[in-house]
C-alpha cells in the first residue's frame, strides 16, 4: 500500500522587511559577542511569527487546513503587535532556544490564535497543548558549551521595541534539507 505524501506545515504571520532586518542585526551582534557558541541561527527568509505548527500532515489535508486558517481570519481587522524583549527557552536550566518576544497590544493576536485552534480542531487537527507564547525564534543552541553565556548576552542586550500592524495569516510548507529549511507559501488569508 502506498503511503500518502506528507507535508511539513505550519501557520504563521509574516513580518515586514524592516523588522526582519532589525532582528538580523540583533543576531549579528550576538554572533559577534559569542562566536564560539554552537547555534543554528534563523535564516533571514525564515523569520516569522508561528501561530500553529502541525508537523507532517497528508498533502491531501492541506486544503482543509488552509480553509480552517481562512475561517479563523474571517471578520478580523488588521491589528498591532509589538516586537520586544529577549528571552530563552526553557526559562530554567540549560538554554536551548533564543527568542524575541511579541506583545499582543489589543488582545487580537490571542483571538486569532484561539480562532485558529478552534477551526483546526473542527477540521480534525490536534489542538496545541502548550500555552501560547508568541515569539520569534532566533537560534537553537546545539551544545551546552557557551550556551549560558550566549543566553545571558542575549537577555541583557537591548532590542528596541517596534510596533507592527498584522495584515494576514499564512499557511507555509517547510521542506527540510542539509542547507536548512526551505519555505513555500501554500495559502495567504488577509485580515480586513
C-alpha atoms as a PDB file:
ATOM      1  CA  UNK A   1       0.000   0.000   0.000  1.00  0.00           C
ATOM      2  CA  UNK A   2       1.340   3.454  -0.958  1.00  0.00           C
ATOM      3  CA  UNK A   3       1.668   5.948   1.881  1.00  0.00           C
ATOM      4  CA  UNK A   4       0.160   9.384   1.139  1.00  0.00           C
ATOM      5  CA  UNK A   5       2.669  12.181   0.603  1.00  0.00           C
ATOM      6  CA  UNK A   6       3.359  14.055   3.850  1.00  0.00           C
ATOM      7  CA  UNK A   7       3.941  17.816   4.014  1.00  0.00           C
ATOM      8  CA  UNK A   8       5.506  19.632   6.990  1.00  0.00           C
ATOM      9  CA  UNK A   9       3.089  22.537   7.568  1.00  0.00           C
ATOM     10  CA  UNK A  10       2.670  25.496   9.898  1.00  0.00           C
ATOM     11  CA  UNK A  11       0.549  28.657  10.154  1.00  0.00           C
ATOM     12  CA  UNK A  12       2.385  31.938  10.673  1.00  0.00           C
ATOM     13  CA  UNK A  13       2.344  35.694  10.333  1.00  0.00           C
ATOM     14  CA  UNK A  14       4.844  37.327   8.024  1.00  0.00           C
ATOM     15  CA  UNK A  15       6.763  40.309   9.356  1.00  0.00           C
ATOM     16  CA  UNK A  16       7.763  43.389   7.346  1.00  0.00           C
ATOM     17  CA  UNK A  17      11.277  43.520   5.900  1.00  0.00           C
ATOM     18  CA  UNK A  18      12.398  46.341   8.230  1.00  0.00           C
ATOM     19  CA  UNK A  19      11.502  44.257  11.295  1.00  0.00           C
ATOM     20  CA  UNK A  20      13.321  41.209   9.903  1.00  0.00           C
ATOM     21  CA  UNK A  21      16.395  43.392   9.271  1.00  0.00           C
ATOM     22  CA  UNK A  22      16.303  44.627  12.850  1.00  0.00           C
ATOM     23  CA  UNK A  23      16.116  41.033  14.108  1.00  0.00           C
ATOM     24  CA  UNK A  24      19.020  40.071  11.828  1.00  0.00           C
ATOM     25  CA  UNK A  25      21.112  42.942  13.208  1.00  0.00           C
ATOM     26  CA  UNK A  26      20.430  41.600  16.720  1.00  0.00           C
ATOM     27  CA  UNK A  27      21.507  38.103  15.604  1.00  0.00           C
ATOM     28  CA  UNK A  28      24.674  39.535  14.085  1.00  0.00           C
ATOM     29  CA  UNK A  29      25.586  41.272  17.368  1.00  0.00           C
ATOM     30  CA  UNK A  30      25.023  38.011  19.267  1.00  0.00           C
ATOM     31  CA  UNK A  31      27.185  36.013  16.866  1.00  0.00           C
ATOM     32  CA  UNK A  32      29.981  38.553  17.245  1.00  0.00           C
ATOM     33  CA  UNK A  33      29.682  38.629  21.032  1.00  0.00           C
ATOM     34  CA  UNK A  34      29.913  34.833  21.495  1.00  0.00           C
ATOM     35  CA  UNK A  35      31.319  33.379  18.235  1.00  0.00           C
ATOM     36  CA  UNK A  36      32.304  30.088  19.869  1.00  0.00           C
ATOM     37  CA  UNK A  37      28.666  29.190  20.707  1.00  0.00           C
ATOM     38  CA  UNK A  38      27.289  26.288  18.672  1.00  0.00           C
ATOM     39  CA  UNK A  39      23.915  27.559  17.479  1.00  0.00           C
ATOM     40  CA  UNK A  40      21.676  27.105  14.464  1.00  0.00           C
ATOM     41  CA  UNK A  41      20.700  30.668  13.604  1.00  0.00           C
ATOM     42  CA  UNK A  42      17.409  31.531  11.919  1.00  0.00           C
ATOM     43  CA  UNK A  43      17.923  32.481   8.282  1.00  0.00           C
ATOM     44  CA  UNK A  44      16.588  35.857   7.066  1.00  0.00           C
ATOM     45  CA  UNK A  45      13.815  34.307   4.950  1.00  0.00           C
ATOM     46  CA  UNK A  46      12.614  32.220   7.888  1.00  0.00           C
ATOM     47  CA  UNK A  47      11.891  34.982  10.416  1.00  0.00           C
ATOM     48  CA  UNK A  48       8.156  34.844  11.103  1.00  0.00           C
ATOM     49  CA  UNK A  49       5.666  34.531  13.958  1.00  0.00           C
ATOM     50  CA  UNK A  50       4.410  30.931  14.147  1.00  0.00           C
ATOM     51  CA  UNK A  51       0.843  30.540  15.414  1.00  0.00           C
ATOM     52  CA  UNK A  52       0.431  26.796  14.859  1.00  0.00           C
ATOM     53  CA  UNK A  53       2.928  24.112  13.910  1.00  0.00           C
ATOM     54  CA  UNK A  54       1.232  20.995  12.591  1.00  0.00           C
ATOM     55  CA  UNK A  55       4.275  18.986  11.538  1.00  0.00           C
ATOM     56  CA  UNK A  56       3.824  16.252   8.945  1.00  0.00           C
ATOM     57  CA  UNK A  57       0.279  16.006   7.602  1.00  0.00           C
ATOM     58  CA  UNK A  58      -1.051  14.231   4.494  1.00  0.00           C
ATOM     59  CA  UNK A  59      -0.771  16.512   1.462  1.00  0.00           C
ATOM     60  CA  UNK A  60      -4.443  15.763   0.797  1.00  0.00           C
ATOM     61  CA  UNK A  61      -5.374  17.539   4.083  1.00  0.00           C
ATOM     62  CA  UNK A  62      -3.529  20.794   3.318  1.00  0.00           C
ATOM     63  CA  UNK A  63      -6.567  22.391   1.609  1.00  0.00           C
ATOM     64  CA  UNK A  64      -8.711  21.662   4.647  1.00  0.00           C
ATOM     65  CA  UNK A  65      -6.076  23.275   6.893  1.00  0.00           C
ATOM     66  CA  UNK A  66      -5.932  26.336   4.625  1.00  0.00           C
ATOM     67  CA  UNK A  67      -9.736  26.610   4.819  1.00  0.00           C
ATOM     68  CA  UNK A  68      -9.522  26.468   8.638  1.00  0.00           C
ATOM     69  CA  UNK A  69      -6.983  29.334   8.533  1.00  0.00           C
ATOM     70  CA  UNK A  70      -9.297  31.290   6.209  1.00  0.00           C
ATOM     71  CA  UNK A  71     -12.209  30.784   8.612  1.00  0.00           C
ATOM     72  CA  UNK A  72     -10.080  31.898  11.590  1.00  0.00           C
ATOM     73  CA  UNK A  73      -9.085  35.090   9.717  1.00  0.00           C
ATOM     74  CA  UNK A  74     -12.579  35.918   8.508  1.00  0.00           C
ATOM     75  CA  UNK A  75     -14.037  39.056  10.016  1.00  0.00           C
ATOM     76  CA  UNK A  76     -10.840  40.056  11.833  1.00  0.00           C
ATOM     77  CA  UNK A  77      -9.409  43.507  11.217  1.00  0.00           C
ATOM     78  CA  UNK A  78      -5.688  44.251  10.945  1.00  0.00           C
ATOM     79  CA  UNK A  79      -4.188  44.825  14.389  1.00  0.00           C
ATOM     80  CA  UNK A  80      -0.904  45.912  16.007  1.00  0.00           C
ATOM     81  CA  UNK A  81       1.629  43.914  17.977  1.00  0.00           C
ATOM     82  CA  UNK A  82       4.940  44.981  19.473  1.00  0.00           C
ATOM     83  CA  UNK A  83       8.124  43.005  18.828  1.00  0.00           C
ATOM     84  CA  UNK A  84      10.143  43.361  22.043  1.00  0.00           C
ATOM     85  CA  UNK A  85      12.022  41.633  24.825  1.00  0.00           C
ATOM     86  CA  UNK A  86      14.753  38.993  24.743  1.00  0.00           C
ATOM     87  CA  UNK A  87      14.293  35.569  26.304  1.00  0.00           C
ATOM     88  CA  UNK A  88      15.225  31.890  26.260  1.00  0.00           C
ATOM     89  CA  UNK A  89      13.510  28.501  26.421  1.00  0.00           C
ATOM     90  CA  UNK A  90      13.424  26.798  28.792  1.00  0.00           C
ATOM     91  CA  UNK A  91      13.286  29.564  31.369  1.00  0.00           C
ATOM     92  CA  UNK A  92      15.238  27.382  33.845  1.00  0.00           C
ATOM     93  CA  UNK A  93      18.118  25.028  33.194  1.00  0.00           C
ATOM     94  CA  UNK A  94      20.147  24.660  30.026  1.00  0.00           C
ATOM     95  CA  UNK A  95      19.068  27.225  27.403  1.00  0.00           C
ATOM     96  CA  UNK A  96      18.039  25.661  24.081  1.00  0.00           C
ATOM     97  CA  UNK A  97      16.245  28.449  22.181  1.00  0.00           C
ATOM     98  CA  UNK A  98      16.836  32.212  21.963  1.00  0.00           C
ATOM     99  CA  UNK A  99      13.809  34.340  21.128  1.00  0.00           C
ATOM    100  CA  UNK A 100      12.443  37.867  20.845  1.00  0.00           C
ATOM    101  CA  UNK A 101       9.014  38.335  22.361  1.00  0.00           C
ATOM    102  CA  UNK A 102       5.721  39.577  20.993  1.00  0.00           C
ATOM    103  CA  UNK A 103       3.343  41.799  22.966  1.00  0.00           C
ATOM    104  CA  UNK A 104      -0.300  41.467  21.981  1.00  0.00           C
ATOM    105  CA  UNK A 105      -1.227  45.157  22.260  1.00  0.00           C
ATOM    106  CA  UNK A 106      -5.002  44.790  21.837  1.00  0.00           C
ATOM    107  CA  UNK A 107      -5.526  41.090  22.622  1.00  0.00           C
ATOM    108  CA  UNK A 108      -6.358  40.383  18.983  1.00  0.00           C
ATOM    109  CA  UNK A 109      -3.371  38.095  18.399  1.00  0.00           C
ATOM    110  CA  UNK A 110      -4.740  35.864  21.148  1.00  0.00           C
ATOM    111  CA  UNK A 111      -8.165  35.994  19.462  1.00  0.00           C
ATOM    112  CA  UNK A 112      -6.632  34.938  16.133  1.00  0.00           C
ATOM    113  CA  UNK A 113      -4.694  32.130  17.815  1.00  0.00           C
ATOM    114  CA  UNK A 114      -7.783  30.793  19.635  1.00  0.00           C
ATOM    115  CA  UNK A 115      -9.855  31.062  16.451  1.00  0.00           C
ATOM    116  CA  UNK A 116      -7.203  29.153  14.506  1.00  0.00           C
ATOM    117  CA  UNK A 117      -7.053  26.433  17.167  1.00  0.00           C
ATOM    118  CA  UNK A 118     -10.867  26.146  17.122  1.00  0.00           C
ATOM    119  CA  UNK A 119     -11.148  25.988  13.329  1.00  0.00           C
ATOM    120  CA  UNK A 120      -8.286  23.490  13.064  1.00  0.00           C
ATOM    121  CA  UNK A 121      -9.917  21.317  15.726  1.00  0.00           C
ATOM    122  CA  UNK A 122     -13.214  21.355  13.784  1.00  0.00           C
ATOM    123  CA  UNK A 123     -11.258  20.232  10.699  1.00  0.00           C
ATOM    124  CA  UNK A 124      -9.813  17.290  12.644  1.00  0.00           C
ATOM    125  CA  UNK A 125      -6.358  18.647  13.512  1.00  0.00           C
ATOM    126  CA  UNK A 126      -4.920  18.219  17.005  1.00  0.00           C
ATOM    127  CA  UNK A 127      -5.038  21.174  19.407  1.00  0.00           C
ATOM    128  CA  UNK A 128      -1.800  22.580  20.812  1.00  0.00           C
ATOM    129  CA  UNK A 129      -1.427  21.514  24.444  1.00  0.00           C
ATOM    130  CA  UNK A 130       1.206  24.057  25.479  1.00  0.00           C
ATOM    131  CA  UNK A 131       0.189  27.615  26.376  1.00  0.00           C
ATOM    132  CA  UNK A 132       0.545  30.180  23.591  1.00  0.00           C
ATOM    133  CA  UNK A 133       3.768  32.178  23.983  1.00  0.00           C
ATOM    134  CA  UNK A 134       4.193  34.295  20.835  1.00  0.00           C
ATOM    135  CA  UNK A 135       7.842  34.813  19.896  1.00  0.00           C
ATOM    136  CA  UNK A 136      10.362  34.944  17.067  1.00  0.00           C
ATOM    137  CA  UNK A 137      12.940  32.154  17.251  1.00  0.00           C
ATOM    138  CA  UNK A 138      16.470  33.476  16.718  1.00  0.00           C
ATOM    139  CA  UNK A 139      18.560  30.380  17.373  1.00  0.00           C
ATOM    140  CA  UNK A 140      18.536  26.806  18.571  1.00  0.00           C
ATOM    141  CA  UNK A 141      21.507  26.052  20.812  1.00  0.00           C
ATOM    142  CA  UNK A 142      23.047  22.734  19.759  1.00  0.00           C
ATOM    143  CA  UNK A 143      25.533  22.106  22.575  1.00  0.00           C
ATOM    144  CA  UNK A 144      25.794  23.265  26.183  1.00  0.00           C
ATOM    145  CA  UNK A 145      29.250  24.799  25.672  1.00  0.00           C
ATOM    146  CA  UNK A 146      28.899  28.601  25.764  1.00  0.00           C
ATOM    147  CA  UNK A 147      25.074  28.328  25.684  1.00  0.00           C
ATOM    148  CA  UNK A 148      24.603  30.034  29.054  1.00  0.00           C
ATOM    149  CA  UNK A 149      26.992  32.825  28.078  1.00  0.00           C
ATOM    150  CA  UNK A 150      25.147  33.400  24.787  1.00  0.00           C
ATOM    151  CA  UNK A 151      21.764  33.320  26.561  1.00  0.00           C
ATOM    152  CA  UNK A 152      22.993  35.842  29.122  1.00  0.00           C
ATOM    153  CA  UNK A 153      24.326  38.210  26.447  1.00  0.00           C
ATOM    154  CA  UNK A 154      21.038  37.891  24.565  1.00  0.00           C
ATOM    155  CA  UNK A 155      18.873  38.578  27.616  1.00  0.00           C
ATOM    156  CA  UNK A 156      20.962  41.609  28.573  1.00  0.00           C
ATOM    157  CA  UNK A 157      21.111  43.026  25.049  1.00  0.00           C
ATOM    158  CA  UNK A 158      18.621  45.730  24.194  1.00  0.00           C
ATOM    159  CA  UNK A 159      16.110  45.128  21.419  1.00  0.00           C
ATOM    160  CA  UNK A 160      14.279  48.381  20.845  1.00  0.00           C
ATOM    161  CA  UNK A 161      10.534  47.647  20.615  1.00  0.00           C
ATOM    162  CA  UNK A 162       8.964  48.004  17.197  1.00  0.00           C
ATOM    163  CA  UNK A 163       5.231  48.087  16.521  1.00  0.00           C
ATOM    164  CA  UNK A 164       3.905  46.079  13.565  1.00  0.00           C
ATOM    165  CA  UNK A 165       0.446  46.033  12.004  1.00  0.00           C
ATOM    166  CA  UNK A 166      -0.537  42.443  11.161  1.00  0.00           C
ATOM    167  CA  UNK A 167      -2.374  42.004   7.877  1.00  0.00           C
ATOM    168  CA  UNK A 168      -2.693  38.298   7.172  1.00  0.00           C
ATOM    169  CA  UNK A 169      -2.271  34.667   8.179  1.00  0.00           C
ATOM    170  CA  UNK A 170      -0.051  32.383   6.103  1.00  0.00           C
ATOM    171  CA  UNK A 171      -0.071  28.613   5.630  1.00  0.00           C
ATOM    172  CA  UNK A 172       3.503  27.518   4.893  1.00  0.00           C
ATOM    173  CA  UNK A 173       5.171  24.295   3.819  1.00  0.00           C
ATOM    174  CA  UNK A 174       8.619  23.623   5.275  1.00  0.00           C
ATOM    175  CA  UNK A 175      10.954  21.288   3.394  1.00  0.00           C
ATOM    176  CA  UNK A 176      13.979  20.190   5.394  1.00  0.00           C
ATOM    177  CA  UNK A 177      17.382  19.780   3.767  1.00  0.00           C
ATOM    178  CA  UNK A 178      21.053  19.839   4.720  1.00  0.00           C
ATOM    179  CA  UNK A 179      21.071  23.554   3.760  1.00  0.00           C
ATOM    180  CA  UNK A 180      18.255  24.289   6.229  1.00  0.00           C
ATOM    181  CA  UNK A 181      14.504  24.663   5.862  1.00  0.00           C
ATOM    182  CA  UNK A 182      13.032  25.909   2.604  1.00  0.00           C
ATOM    183  CA  UNK A 183       9.628  27.549   2.972  1.00  0.00           C
ATOM    184  CA  UNK A 184       6.924  27.778   0.326  1.00  0.00           C
ATOM    185  CA  UNK A 185       3.622  29.600   0.643  1.00  0.00           C
ATOM    186  CA  UNK A 186       0.547  27.358   0.491  1.00  0.00           C
ATOM    187  CA  UNK A 187      -2.081  29.998   1.340  1.00  0.00           C
ATOM    188  CA  UNK A 188      -2.455  33.600   2.467  1.00  0.00           C
ATOM    189  CA  UNK A 189      -5.573  34.802   4.255  1.00  0.00           C
ATOM    190  CA  UNK A 190      -5.885  38.570   4.574  1.00  0.00           C
ATOM    191  CA  UNK A 191      -7.299  40.358   7.577  1.00  0.00           C
ATOM    192  CA  UNK A 192      -9.687  43.221   6.819  1.00  0.00           C
END
